[in-house]
């Protein structure tokens, strides 16, 4: 997609996060759109955040070889875009939690990842490949924290 659009990270997000729809359906036998769509949008937003940071590592090479990315599209406005995607992600996760009656541990995990991502955006040096790599890799913690919060939040319901 990098040869076709400046939004390959969006296409990646649509693809990577399809599991939010499939997983819910596999467990429940049907898709509860009021939970799954916000969860899916949160995942797509998260992918846009971490993969745009990753794309900044390659932006100079991408220009040379003539491919596109959100890093090139957003340029100096990248942190504003990442902040918008963060708002979309967090609000979608909160909405998804509300729609499935999640409990305090879930929301604590959302607050934790929100703090992590906000710090990541505030401190990332988008012209430093090593810093972008560190920020990208730190996103594996985001998934782990959401997973733990979801499990504990669900167990807390019982």
Protein backbone atom coordinates (compact mmCIF):
# COMPACT_ATOMS: atom_id res chain seq x y z
CA UNK A 1 0.00 0.00 0.00
CA UNK A 2 2.98 2.31 0.42
CA UNK A 3 3.08 2.59 -3.38
CA UNK A 4 -0.60 3.50 -3.58
CA UNK A 5 -1.50 5.75 -0.64
CA UNK A 6 -0.06 7.93 2.10
CA UNK A 7 -2.24 5.90 4.49
CA UNK A 8 -0.69 2.39 4.48
CA UNK A 9 -0.78 2.45 8.29
CA UNK A 10 -4.58 2.80 8.12
CA UNK A 11 -4.82 -0.24 5.83
CA UNK A 12 -2.56 -2.11 8.26
CA UNK A 13 -4.85 -1.07 11.12
CA UNK A 14 -7.95 -2.32 9.29
CA UNK A 15 -6.23 -5.65 8.68
CA UNK A 16 -4.50 -6.21 12.04
CA UNK A 17 -7.55 -5.40 14.10
CA UNK A 18 -10.09 -7.51 12.26
CA UNK A 19 -9.64 -9.96 15.14
CA UNK A 20 -11.67 -7.65 17.40
CA UNK A 21 -14.72 -8.50 15.31
CA UNK A 22 -13.87 -12.15 14.74
CA UNK A 23 -12.81 -12.89 18.32
CA UNK A 24 -15.99 -11.50 19.87
CA UNK A 25 -18.11 -13.38 17.33
CA UNK A 26 -16.23 -16.63 17.94
CA UNK A 27 -16.79 -16.40 21.70
CA UNK A 28 -20.37 -15.10 21.69
CA UNK A 29 -21.73 -16.56 18.46
CA UNK A 30 -22.75 -13.11 17.20
CA UNK A 31 -21.20 -9.68 16.85
CA UNK A 32 -22.35 -7.04 19.33
CA UNK A 33 -21.65 -3.98 17.20
CA UNK A 34 -21.99 -1.58 20.15
CA UNK A 35 -18.91 -3.22 21.69
CA UNK A 36 -17.02 -4.44 18.64
CA UNK A 37 -17.02 -1.33 16.47
CA UNK A 38 -15.50 0.90 19.20
CA UNK A 39 -13.01 -1.86 20.02
CA UNK A 40 -12.10 -2.17 16.34
CA UNK A 41 -11.73 1.61 15.97
CA UNK A 42 -9.53 1.71 19.08
CA UNK A 43 -7.26 -0.93 17.55
CA UNK A 44 -7.08 0.88 14.22
CA UNK A 45 -6.23 4.13 16.03
CA UNK A 46 -3.54 2.39 18.07
CA UNK A 47 -2.03 0.92 14.90
CA UNK A 48 -1.94 4.41 13.38
CA UNK A 49 -0.09 5.66 16.46
CA UNK A 50 2.61 3.03 16.74
CA UNK A 51 3.11 2.44 13.04
CA UNK A 52 3.35 6.14 12.23
CA UNK A 53 6.10 6.39 14.84
CA UNK A 54 7.74 3.37 13.23
CA UNK A 55 7.38 4.93 9.76
CA UNK A 56 9.40 7.94 10.87
CA UNK A 57 12.44 5.64 10.99
CA UNK A 58 12.16 5.10 7.24
CA UNK A 59 10.93 8.49 6.04
CA UNK A 60 14.18 9.57 4.38
CA UNK A 61 14.55 6.25 2.56
CA UNK A 62 10.86 6.30 1.61
CA UNK A 63 11.32 9.63 -0.16
CA UNK A 64 14.32 8.28 -2.06
CA UNK A 65 12.53 5.13 -3.26
CA UNK A 66 9.24 6.93 -3.85
CA UNK A 67 6.92 5.22 -1.39
CA UNK A 68 4.39 6.84 0.92
CA UNK A 69 3.48 6.74 4.60
CA UNK A 70 1.62 8.65 7.27
CA UNK A 71 5.03 9.86 8.50
CA UNK A 72 5.48 11.66 5.19
CA UNK A 73 1.84 12.75 5.00
CA UNK A 74 1.80 14.28 8.49
CA UNK A 75 5.36 15.64 8.49
CA UNK A 76 5.83 18.29 11.17
CA UNK A 77 2.20 17.87 12.27
CA UNK A 78 2.69 14.22 13.23
CA UNK A 79 2.35 14.77 16.98
CA UNK A 80 -0.99 16.53 16.46
CA UNK A 81 -2.27 13.62 14.40
CA UNK A 82 -0.97 11.10 16.94
CA UNK A 83 -2.73 13.03 19.70
CA UNK A 84 -5.99 12.86 17.76
CA UNK A 85 -5.60 9.13 17.22
CA UNK A 86 -4.88 8.76 20.94
CA UNK A 87 -8.13 10.55 21.80
CA UNK A 88 -10.01 8.32 19.37
CA UNK A 89 -8.37 5.20 20.80
CA UNK A 90 -9.02 6.02 24.44
CA UNK A 91 -12.59 7.19 23.92
CA UNK A 92 -13.35 4.09 21.85
CA UNK A 93 -11.90 1.82 24.54
CA UNK A 94 -13.96 3.59 27.19
CA UNK A 95 -17.12 3.29 25.08
CA UNK A 96 -16.46 -0.39 24.45
CA UNK A 97 -15.95 -0.92 28.19
CA UNK A 98 -19.17 0.89 29.04
CA UNK A 99 -21.12 -1.15 26.47
CA UNK A 100 -19.97 -4.45 28.02
CA UNK A 101 -20.22 -3.33 31.66
CA UNK A 102 -16.49 -3.38 32.36
CA UNK A 103 -15.25 -2.64 35.87
CA UNK A 104 -12.56 -0.56 37.57
CA UNK A 105 -9.49 -2.68 36.63
CA UNK A 106 -10.33 -2.23 32.95
CA UNK A 107 -10.56 1.56 33.28
CA UNK A 108 -7.35 1.71 35.31
CA UNK A 109 -5.62 -0.09 32.45
CA UNK A 110 -7.04 2.44 29.97
CA UNK A 111 -5.73 5.29 32.14
CA UNK A 112 -2.34 3.59 32.30
CA UNK A 113 -2.02 3.15 28.56
CA UNK A 114 -3.31 6.67 27.99
CA UNK A 115 -0.54 8.00 30.21
CA UNK A 116 2.01 5.82 28.43
CA UNK A 117 0.97 6.92 24.94
CA UNK A 118 0.72 10.61 25.87
CA UNK A 119 4.25 10.42 27.31
CA UNK A 120 5.40 8.59 24.20
CA UNK A 121 4.04 11.29 21.89
CA UNK A 122 5.37 14.13 24.04
CA UNK A 123 8.89 12.73 24.17
CA UNK A 124 9.43 11.04 20.81
CA UNK A 125 12.06 12.61 18.60
CA UNK A 126 10.67 11.89 15.16
CA UNK A 127 14.03 12.62 13.54
CA UNK A 128 15.88 10.05 15.69
CA UNK A 129 15.56 6.52 14.32
CA UNK A 130 16.66 4.92 17.60
CA UNK A 131 14.15 6.90 19.66
CA UNK A 132 11.35 6.02 17.22
CA UNK A 133 12.34 2.35 17.48
CA UNK A 134 12.25 2.49 21.29
CA UNK A 135 8.83 4.14 21.28
CA UNK A 136 7.51 1.64 18.73
CA UNK A 137 8.77 -1.33 20.76
CA UNK A 138 7.29 0.09 23.97
CA UNK A 139 3.84 -0.35 22.45
CA UNK A 140 3.93 -4.06 23.21
CA UNK A 141 3.30 -3.00 26.81
CA UNK A 142 0.11 -1.25 25.71
CA UNK A 143 -1.40 -4.49 24.46
CA UNK A 144 -0.33 -6.35 27.58
CA UNK A 145 -1.80 -3.72 29.90
CA UNK A 146 -5.14 -3.71 28.04
CA UNK A 147 -5.21 -7.50 28.12
CA UNK A 148 -4.54 -7.65 31.86
CA UNK A 149 -7.08 -4.89 32.53
CA UNK A 150 -9.71 -6.69 30.48
CA UNK A 151 -9.12 -10.01 32.25
CA UNK A 152 -9.10 -8.46 35.73
CA UNK A 153 -12.09 -6.27 34.90
CA UNK A 154 -14.05 -9.30 33.71
CA UNK A 155 -13.05 -11.37 36.73
CA UNK A 156 -14.08 -8.48 38.99
CA UNK A 157 -17.61 -8.71 37.59
CA UNK A 158 -17.99 -12.14 39.14
